C-alpha atoms as a PDB file:
ATOM      1  CA  MET A   1       9.351  -3.225   8.933  1.00  0.00           C
ATOM      2  CA  GLU A   2       7.541  -5.963   7.021  1.00  0.00           C
ATOM      3  CA  PRO A   3       6.312  -7.803  10.150  1.00  0.00           C
ATOM      4  CA  ALA A   4       5.084  -4.495  11.573  1.00  0.00           C
ATOM      5  CA  ILE A   5       3.077  -3.559   8.488  1.00  0.00           C
ATOM      6  CA  LYS A   6       1.642  -7.092   8.337  1.00  0.00           C
ATOM      7  CA  GLY A   7       0.434  -6.768  11.927  1.00  0.00           C
ATOM      8  CA  ILE A   8      -1.115  -3.377  11.294  1.00  0.00           C
ATOM      9  CA  VAL A   9      -2.787  -4.478   8.076  1.00  0.00           C
ATOM     10  CA  ASP A  10      -4.037  -7.741   9.614  1.00  0.00           C
ATOM     11  CA  THR A  11      -5.655  -5.759  12.425  1.00  0.00           C
ATOM     12  CA  TYR A  12      -7.386  -3.450   9.952  1.00  0.00           C
ATOM     13  CA  VAL A  13      -8.601  -6.468   7.946  1.00  0.00           C
ATOM     14  CA  ARG A  14      -9.963  -8.090  11.103  1.00  0.00           C
ATOM     15  CA  LEU A  15     -11.776  -4.839  11.915  1.00  0.00           C
ATOM     16  CA  LYS A  16     -12.886  -4.498   8.268  1.00  0.00           C
ATOM     17  CA  ASN A  17     -11.450  -0.974   8.237  1.00  0.00           C
ATOM     18  CA  ARG A  18     -11.051  -0.449   4.489  1.00  0.00           C
ATOM     19  CA  GLY A  19     -10.477   3.291   4.881  1.00  0.00           C
ATOM     20  CA  ALA A  20      -7.440   2.828   7.105  1.00  0.00           C
ATOM     21  CA  ILE A  21      -5.966   0.281   4.687  1.00  0.00           C
ATOM     22  CA  GLU A  22      -6.555   2.637   1.768  1.00  0.00           C
ATOM     23  CA  ASP A  23      -4.854   5.438   3.710  1.00  0.00           C
ATOM     24  CA  LEU A  24      -1.815   3.192   4.229  1.00  0.00           C
ATOM     25  CA  LEU A  25      -1.748   2.428   0.521  1.00  0.00           C
ATOM     26  CA  ILE A  26      -1.998   6.095  -0.462  1.00  0.00           C
ATOM     27  CA  HIS A  27       0.795   7.011   1.956  1.00  0.00           C
ATOM     28  CA  ARG A  28       3.112   4.263   0.678  1.00  0.00           C
ATOM     29  CA  ARG A  29       2.411   5.189  -2.963  1.00  0.00           C
ATOM     30  CA  ARG A  30       3.312   8.827  -2.239  1.00  0.00           C
ATOM     31  CA  LEU A  31       6.526   7.746  -0.526  1.00  0.00           C
ATOM     32  CA  ALA A  32       7.459   5.550  -3.482  1.00  0.00           C
ATOM     33  CA  ILE A  33       6.803   8.323  -5.982  1.00  0.00           C
ATOM     34  CA  ASP A  34       8.813  10.790  -3.909  1.00  0.00           C
ATOM     35  CA  LEU A  35      11.789   8.463  -3.501  1.00  0.00           C
ATOM     36  CA  LYS A  36      11.797   7.444  -7.159  1.00  0.00           C
ATOM     37  CA  GLY A  37      12.002  11.115  -8.129  1.00  0.00           C
ATOM     38  CA  ARG A  38      15.026  11.891  -5.961  1.00  0.00           C
ATOM     39  CA  ARG A  39      18.628  11.914  -7.146  1.00  0.00           C
ATOM     40  CA  GLY A  40      22.036  11.941  -5.491  1.00  0.00           C
ATOM     41  CA  TYR A  41      21.605   8.854  -3.313  1.00  0.00           C
ATOM     42  CA  ASP A  42      20.813   5.203  -3.886  1.00  0.00           C
ATOM     43  CA  PHE A  43      17.209   4.834  -2.724  1.00  0.00           C
ATOM     44  CA  SER A  44      16.797   1.307  -4.112  1.00  0.00           C
ATOM     45  CA  ARG A  45      16.578  -0.383  -0.692  1.00  0.00           C
ATOM     46  CA  PRO A  46      13.885   1.871   0.792  1.00  0.00           C
ATOM     47  CA  ILE A  47      11.980   1.766  -2.508  1.00  0.00           C
ATOM     48  CA  ALA A  48      12.090  -2.049  -2.452  1.00  0.00           C
ATOM     49  CA  GLN A  49      10.840  -2.046   1.142  1.00  0.00           C
ATOM     50  CA  ILE A  50       7.975   0.281   0.279  1.00  0.00           C
ATOM     51  CA  ASP A  51       7.101  -1.843  -2.760  1.00  0.00           C
ATOM     52  CA  GLU A  52       6.914  -4.917  -0.483  1.00  0.00           C
ATOM     53  CA  GLU A  53       4.636  -3.039   1.908  1.00  0.00           C
ATOM     54  CA  ILE A  54       2.429  -1.937  -0.990  1.00  0.00           C
ATOM     55  CA  ALA A  55       2.069  -5.574  -2.058  1.00  0.00           C
ATOM     56  CA  ILE A  56       1.041  -6.556   1.493  1.00  0.00           C
ATOM     57  CA  ILE A  57      -1.511  -3.745   1.637  1.00  0.00           C
ATOM     58  CA  GLU A  58      -2.951  -4.572  -1.795  1.00  0.00           C
ATOM     59  CA  ALA A  59      -3.319  -8.235  -0.778  1.00  0.00           C
ATOM     60  CA  ALA A  60      -5.220  -7.127   2.317  1.00  0.00           C
ATOM     61  CA  LEU A  61      -7.580  -5.005   0.242  1.00  0.00           C
ATOM     62  CA  GLU A  62      -8.352  -8.037  -1.906  1.00  0.00           C
ATOM     63  CA  LYS A  63      -9.396  -9.941   1.250  1.00  0.00           C
ATOM     64  CA  LEU A  64     -12.060  -7.346   2.004  1.00  0.00           C
ATOM     65  CA  GLU A  65     -15.166  -7.794  -0.116  1.00  0.00           C
ATOM     66  CA  PRO A  66     -13.519  -7.250  -3.511  1.00  0.00           C
ATOM     67  CA  GLY A  67     -16.726  -6.058  -5.175  1.00  0.00           C
ATOM     68  CA  ASP A  68     -16.988  -3.191  -2.726  1.00  0.00           C
ATOM     69  CA  LEU A  69     -13.951  -1.135  -3.731  1.00  0.00           C
ATOM     70  CA  SER A  70     -14.059   2.576  -3.154  1.00  0.00           C
ATOM     71  CA  LEU A  71     -13.214   5.041  -5.904  1.00  0.00           C
ATOM     72  CA  ALA A  72      -9.846   5.741  -4.248  1.00  0.00           C
ATOM     73  CA  THR A  73      -8.956   2.048  -4.138  1.00  0.00           C
ATOM     74  CA  ARG A  74      -9.993   1.439  -7.752  1.00  0.00           C
ATOM     75  CA  SER A  75      -7.851   4.397  -8.795  1.00  0.00           C
ATOM     76  CA  LEU A  76      -4.855   3.126  -6.839  1.00  0.00           C
ATOM     77  CA  MET A  77      -5.242  -0.414  -8.135  1.00  0.00           C
ATOM     78  CA  SER A  78      -5.404   0.790 -11.732  1.00  0.00           C
ATOM     79  CA  PHE A  79      -2.349   2.967 -11.061  1.00  0.00           C
ATOM     80  CA  ALA A  80      -0.485  -0.102  -9.805  1.00  0.00           C
ATOM     81  CA  ALA A  81      -1.417  -2.094 -12.898  1.00  0.00           C
ATOM     82  CA  SER A  82       0.061   0.519 -15.218  1.00  0.00           C
END
C-alpha cells in the first residue's frame, strides 16, 4: 500500500490540500490506536504498515508551508512526538 499512499499524498501536496492530508493522518492515527488496543491476534504487520504511512503523511505535511500548521496538525504532531 506504500506506493498508493505516496501517490495520494503527492497529489494532495501538489494541490496544496493540507486538509485532505490532515484527514489522512487523523484516520491512520485512529487505525493505529485501534489496532494497538486489540488482543488475540498478531497485529504487528498492519501496525508497521500504518506507521510507515503515517511517516509518509507527516513528511508531506512538512513540505507544505511549515509555519502554517493548523491546530489539528499541531496536535497530531505533538502526539507523535510523545
